[in-house]
Amino acid sequence: MAEKRTKVMDGFAVVRGLAQAKHDGTLPLPGSRKPAEDLSSHPPPAALPKDSPHIVKTIEPTKRTIRCFKCGYEFKLAGTTKAIYCAKCREKIDMGDYVIDRPWSEEIKTGGSVIIRPTGRLENVRIWAGNVILDGGMDENSSIECTQWLELGAQAKPHPRQLAMRNLRVAAGASMAFKYKLQVNHLELLGTLEADVEATGLVSIRDGGHLKGTVRGAHLQVEEGGGLSARVFIWPQGNPPAEDS
């Protein structure tokens, strides 16, 4: 008898597949309480493909890096699931994708994606997620930590010290300035960034993007229409050569 094989799809392939279905429901956070008068107590709706165009179209890793929110252990995940367990401490990790479109003050921990729309605002809250698209606002007491990509939209004006990410994308129309060294793996610019950048992966300046300051790293790509007003130090291995003694 032939062995039955199950097709494994990564999370982004599944999100694209949802675009073909006529599904517009909501997915509450685990343990969320019943709606109260405070708008922030309503669980955010599940993200749909149209909410995260860049994540769906340009970020398609075969494996995702998942960080346990309890013990900090990082491991790779291939395929998709609503929840998984930490490979080290066995803590349950939510893998849902969520949209915030109003004032929000309840902590979110997910290995999936969180989209903060222009009408959304983080208030005295911390967001842990795999990917975050920030198009809304956040007060000085809020913070965002991403294990994969953080995308900053045109209306986002966070303080850089409130952000922690592995990879950074500055969307078209957005302008950000980092007054301290920005250390990332990959950097993609469709908007403007002024910073001292240190990247272990690819620094990509797209059409309409502009990088000002200093860039150090392994790979630099500037498309036609992109701007670069920076001191550039590129080493094949992403690290400066050792000095002769």
Protein backbone atom coordinates (compact mmCIF):
# COMPACT_ATOMS: atom_id res chain seq x y z
CA MET A 1 0.00 0.00 0.00
CA ALA A 2 1.39 3.39 -0.96
CA GLU A 3 2.33 5.63 1.93
CA LYS A 4 0.08 8.65 2.32
CA ARG A 5 2.06 11.85 2.53
CA THR A 6 0.89 15.10 4.02
CA LYS A 7 1.80 18.30 2.24
CA VAL A 8 3.61 20.71 4.56
CA MET A 9 3.10 24.42 3.94
CA ASP A 10 4.86 27.29 5.65
CA GLY A 11 2.87 29.95 7.46
CA PHE A 12 3.01 32.47 4.66
CA ALA A 13 1.74 29.96 2.09
CA VAL A 14 -1.24 29.34 4.33
CA VAL A 15 -1.91 33.07 4.66
CA ARG A 16 -1.90 33.38 0.87
CA GLY A 17 -4.29 30.46 0.69
CA LEU A 18 -6.70 32.22 2.99
CA ALA A 19 -6.96 35.03 0.44
CA GLN A 20 -8.82 32.65 -1.85
CA ALA A 21 -11.42 31.79 0.75
CA LYS A 22 -14.37 33.95 1.66
CA HIS A 23 -13.49 34.01 5.32
CA ASP A 24 -13.78 37.12 7.44
CA GLY A 25 -14.08 35.83 11.01
CA THR A 26 -12.15 36.81 14.14
CA LEU A 27 -9.83 34.80 16.34
CA PRO A 28 -9.69 35.67 20.06
CA LEU A 29 -6.50 35.52 22.02
CA PRO A 30 -6.09 32.57 24.39
CA GLY A 31 -7.53 33.41 27.78
CA SER A 32 -9.12 36.65 26.60
CA ARG A 33 -12.00 37.74 28.75
CA LYS A 34 -15.50 38.68 27.65
CA PRO A 35 -15.95 42.13 26.05
CA ALA A 36 -16.24 44.98 28.52
CA GLU A 37 -16.74 48.69 28.09
CA ASP A 38 -12.99 49.24 27.70
CA LEU A 39 -12.26 48.83 23.98
CA SER A 40 -8.85 47.34 24.72
CA SER A 41 -10.49 44.31 26.33
CA HIS A 42 -11.85 43.14 22.98
CA PRO A 43 -9.51 40.59 21.38
CA PRO A 44 -7.97 41.84 18.12
CA PRO A 45 -9.28 40.24 14.92
CA ALA A 46 -7.24 37.68 13.05
CA ALA A 47 -5.02 39.09 10.31
CA LEU A 48 -5.98 38.54 6.69
CA PRO A 49 -3.59 38.65 3.69
CA LYS A 50 -4.64 42.17 2.68
CA ASP A 51 -3.52 43.43 6.09
CA SER A 52 0.11 42.44 5.57
CA PRO A 53 1.09 42.88 1.91
CA HIS A 54 4.84 43.09 2.45
CA ILE A 55 5.02 40.15 4.80
CA VAL A 56 2.96 38.02 2.41
CA LYS A 57 4.73 39.04 -0.79
CA THR A 58 8.34 39.59 0.14
CA ILE A 59 9.09 37.55 3.24
CA GLU A 60 8.79 33.84 2.54
CA PRO A 61 11.25 31.96 4.72
CA THR A 62 11.17 28.18 4.54
CA LYS A 63 11.66 28.19 8.30
CA ARG A 64 10.74 30.70 10.99
CA THR A 65 12.70 31.49 14.10
CA ILE A 66 10.50 31.06 17.17
CA ARG A 67 11.50 32.40 20.57
CA CYS A 68 9.94 31.02 23.74
CA PHE A 69 8.49 33.86 25.80
CA LYS A 70 9.13 31.98 29.03
CA CYS A 71 12.71 30.67 28.79
CA GLY A 72 14.02 32.65 25.78
CA TYR A 73 15.04 29.52 23.84
CA GLU A 74 15.05 29.95 20.04
CA PHE A 75 14.30 27.20 17.54
CA LYS A 76 13.22 26.84 13.91
CA LEU A 77 9.70 26.00 12.76
CA ALA A 78 8.74 24.70 9.33
CA GLY A 79 5.08 24.47 8.38
CA THR A 80 2.14 26.03 10.17
CA THR A 81 0.12 25.44 13.31
CA LYS A 82 -2.14 27.42 15.63
CA ALA A 83 0.07 26.70 18.63
CA ILE A 84 3.29 24.87 19.42
CA TYR A 85 5.28 23.94 22.48
CA CYS A 86 8.77 25.19 23.29
CA ALA A 87 11.35 22.56 22.38
CA LYS A 88 13.15 23.23 25.65
CA CYS A 89 10.71 24.08 28.47
CA ARG A 90 7.46 22.85 26.80
CA GLU A 91 5.69 26.18 27.31
CA LYS A 92 2.75 26.60 24.93
CA ILE A 93 3.32 29.30 22.28
CA ASP A 94 0.44 30.91 20.38
CA MET A 95 1.09 31.17 16.61
CA GLY A 96 -1.91 33.32 15.64
CA ASP A 97 -1.86 36.48 13.49
CA TYR A 98 -3.69 39.56 14.84
CA VAL A 99 -4.81 43.06 13.85
CA ILE A 100 -5.04 46.03 16.24
CA ASP A 101 -7.27 48.80 14.95
CA ARG A 102 -8.12 50.68 18.18
CA PRO A 103 -6.45 51.64 21.50
CA TRP A 104 -4.88 48.50 22.93
CA SER A 105 -3.47 47.83 26.39
CA GLU A 106 -3.35 44.03 26.76
CA GLU A 107 -0.10 42.14 26.26
CA ILE A 108 0.19 39.97 23.15
CA LYS A 109 2.63 37.09 22.79
CA THR A 110 2.54 35.26 19.48
CA GLY A 111 4.96 33.57 17.14
CA GLY A 112 2.77 34.87 14.29
CA SER A 113 2.22 38.43 13.02
CA VAL A 114 0.69 41.54 14.60
CA ILE A 115 -0.54 44.44 12.45
CA ILE A 116 -1.18 47.82 14.11
CA ARG A 117 -3.32 49.81 11.71
CA PRO A 118 -3.30 53.65 11.50
CA THR A 119 -6.36 53.69 13.80
CA GLY A 120 -4.60 51.44 16.32
CA ARG A 121 -2.51 52.64 19.27
CA LEU A 122 -0.47 50.75 21.84
CA GLU A 123 -0.97 52.07 25.37
CA ASN A 124 1.29 50.90 28.20
CA VAL A 125 1.69 47.45 26.66
CA ARG A 126 4.37 45.13 25.34
CA ILE A 127 4.01 43.18 22.10
CA TRP A 128 6.04 40.05 21.39
CA ALA A 129 5.62 38.61 17.88
CA GLY A 130 7.33 36.96 14.95
CA ASN A 131 6.49 39.86 12.59
CA VAL A 132 5.00 43.28 13.33
CA ILE A 133 3.70 45.94 10.94
CA LEU A 134 3.43 49.24 12.78
CA ASP A 135 1.22 51.73 10.95
CA GLY A 136 -0.37 53.19 14.09
CA GLY A 137 0.88 54.85 17.25
CA MET A 138 2.37 53.80 20.57
CA ASP A 139 2.89 55.72 23.80
CA GLU A 140 6.23 56.04 25.58
CA ASN A 141 5.42 53.14 27.92
CA SER A 142 4.88 50.58 25.14
CA SER A 143 7.41 48.37 23.37
CA ILE A 144 7.65 45.92 20.47
CA GLU A 145 9.95 42.91 20.14
CA CYS A 146 10.12 40.86 16.92
CA THR A 147 11.92 37.59 16.29
CA GLN A 148 11.66 38.15 12.52
CA TRP A 149 10.59 41.37 10.74
CA LEU A 150 9.47 44.77 11.96
CA GLU A 151 7.93 47.03 9.34
CA LEU A 152 7.51 50.75 10.10
CA GLY A 153 4.74 52.49 8.17
CA ALA A 154 4.47 56.12 7.11
CA GLN A 155 2.39 57.13 10.15
CA ALA A 156 4.50 55.29 12.73
CA LYS A 157 6.62 57.55 14.97
CA PRO A 158 8.03 55.29 17.69
CA HIS A 159 11.13 56.03 19.71
CA PRO A 160 13.84 53.63 18.47
CA ARG A 161 14.56 52.52 22.05
CA GLN A 162 11.06 51.02 22.17
CA LEU A 163 11.85 48.61 19.34
CA ALA A 164 13.76 45.33 19.15
CA MET A 165 13.90 43.34 15.92
CA ARG A 166 15.97 40.88 13.91
CA ASN A 167 15.16 42.46 10.53
CA LEU A 168 13.84 45.95 9.74
CA ARG A 169 11.81 47.31 6.85
CA VAL A 170 11.02 51.02 6.47
CA ALA A 171 7.93 51.34 4.27
CA ALA A 172 7.43 53.86 1.48
CA GLY A 173 6.68 57.31 2.86
CA ALA A 174 8.12 56.51 6.28
CA SER A 175 11.06 58.37 7.77
CA MET A 176 13.05 57.16 10.78
CA ALA A 177 16.18 58.37 12.59
CA PHE A 178 18.19 56.21 14.98
CA LYS A 179 20.64 58.13 17.16
CA TYR A 180 22.39 54.95 18.29
CA LYS A 181 23.86 52.01 16.34
CA LEU A 182 21.18 49.95 14.61
CA GLN A 183 22.18 46.28 14.63
CA VAL A 184 20.07 44.01 12.40
CA ASN A 185 20.35 41.01 10.15
CA HIS A 186 18.52 42.32 7.06
CA LEU A 187 17.49 45.92 6.32
CA GLU A 188 15.08 46.91 3.55
CA LEU A 189 14.36 50.56 2.75
CA LEU A 190 11.45 51.85 0.72
CA GLY A 191 11.37 55.00 2.86
CA THR A 192 14.10 57.08 4.54
CA LEU A 193 16.39 56.00 7.36
CA GLU A 194 19.13 57.99 9.06
CA ALA A 195 21.30 55.75 11.21
CA ASP A 196 24.61 54.06 11.91
CA VAL A 197 23.72 50.62 10.53
CA GLU A 198 25.50 47.35 11.22
CA ALA A 199 23.98 44.45 9.28
CA THR A 200 25.04 40.80 9.15
CA GLY A 201 22.84 40.11 6.12
CA LEU A 202 21.59 42.23 3.21
CA VAL A 203 21.05 45.99 3.21
CA SER A 204 18.62 46.65 0.37
CA ILE A 205 17.67 50.18 -0.76
CA ARG A 206 14.64 50.02 -3.04
CA ASP A 207 13.31 52.56 -5.52
CA GLY A 208 12.31 55.59 -3.41
CA GLY A 209 14.33 54.47 -0.40
CA HIS A 210 17.17 56.52 1.07
CA LEU A 211 19.85 55.65 3.63
CA LYS A 212 21.79 58.39 5.41
CA GLY A 213 24.62 57.96 7.90
CA THR A 214 26.92 54.92 7.99
CA VAL A 215 26.48 51.33 6.88
CA ARG A 216 28.68 48.38 7.79
CA GLY A 217 27.93 44.85 6.69
CA ALA A 218 28.28 41.96 4.29
CA HIS A 219 26.02 42.89 1.37
CA LEU A 220 24.64 46.15 -0.05
CA GLN A 221 22.08 46.45 -2.83
CA VAL A 222 20.93 49.81 -4.24
CA GLU A 223 18.19 49.71 -6.86
CA GLU A 224 17.73 52.37 -9.52
CA GLY A 225 15.84 55.21 -7.84
CA GLY A 226 17.31 54.43 -4.42
CA GLY A 227 19.47 56.95 -2.56
CA LEU A 228 22.62 56.45 -0.50
CA SER A 229 24.21 59.33 1.43
CA ALA A 230 26.38 57.33 3.78
CA ARG A 231 29.86 56.11 4.58
CA VAL A 232 30.00 52.50 3.42
CA PHE A 233 32.10 49.64 4.81
CA ILE A 234 31.34 46.29 3.19
CA TRP A 235 33.16 43.08 4.11
CA PRO A 236 32.31 39.73 2.48
CA GLN A 237 31.92 37.97 5.82
CA GLY A 238 30.02 40.84 7.43
CA ASN A 239 32.89 41.56 9.81
CA PRO A 240 35.82 43.98 9.51
CA PRO A 241 39.19 42.39 8.68
CA ALA A 242 41.49 41.69 11.62
CA GLU A 243 44.14 44.31 12.14
CA ASP A 244 47.78 43.27 11.75
CA SER A 245 49.59 43.12 15.06
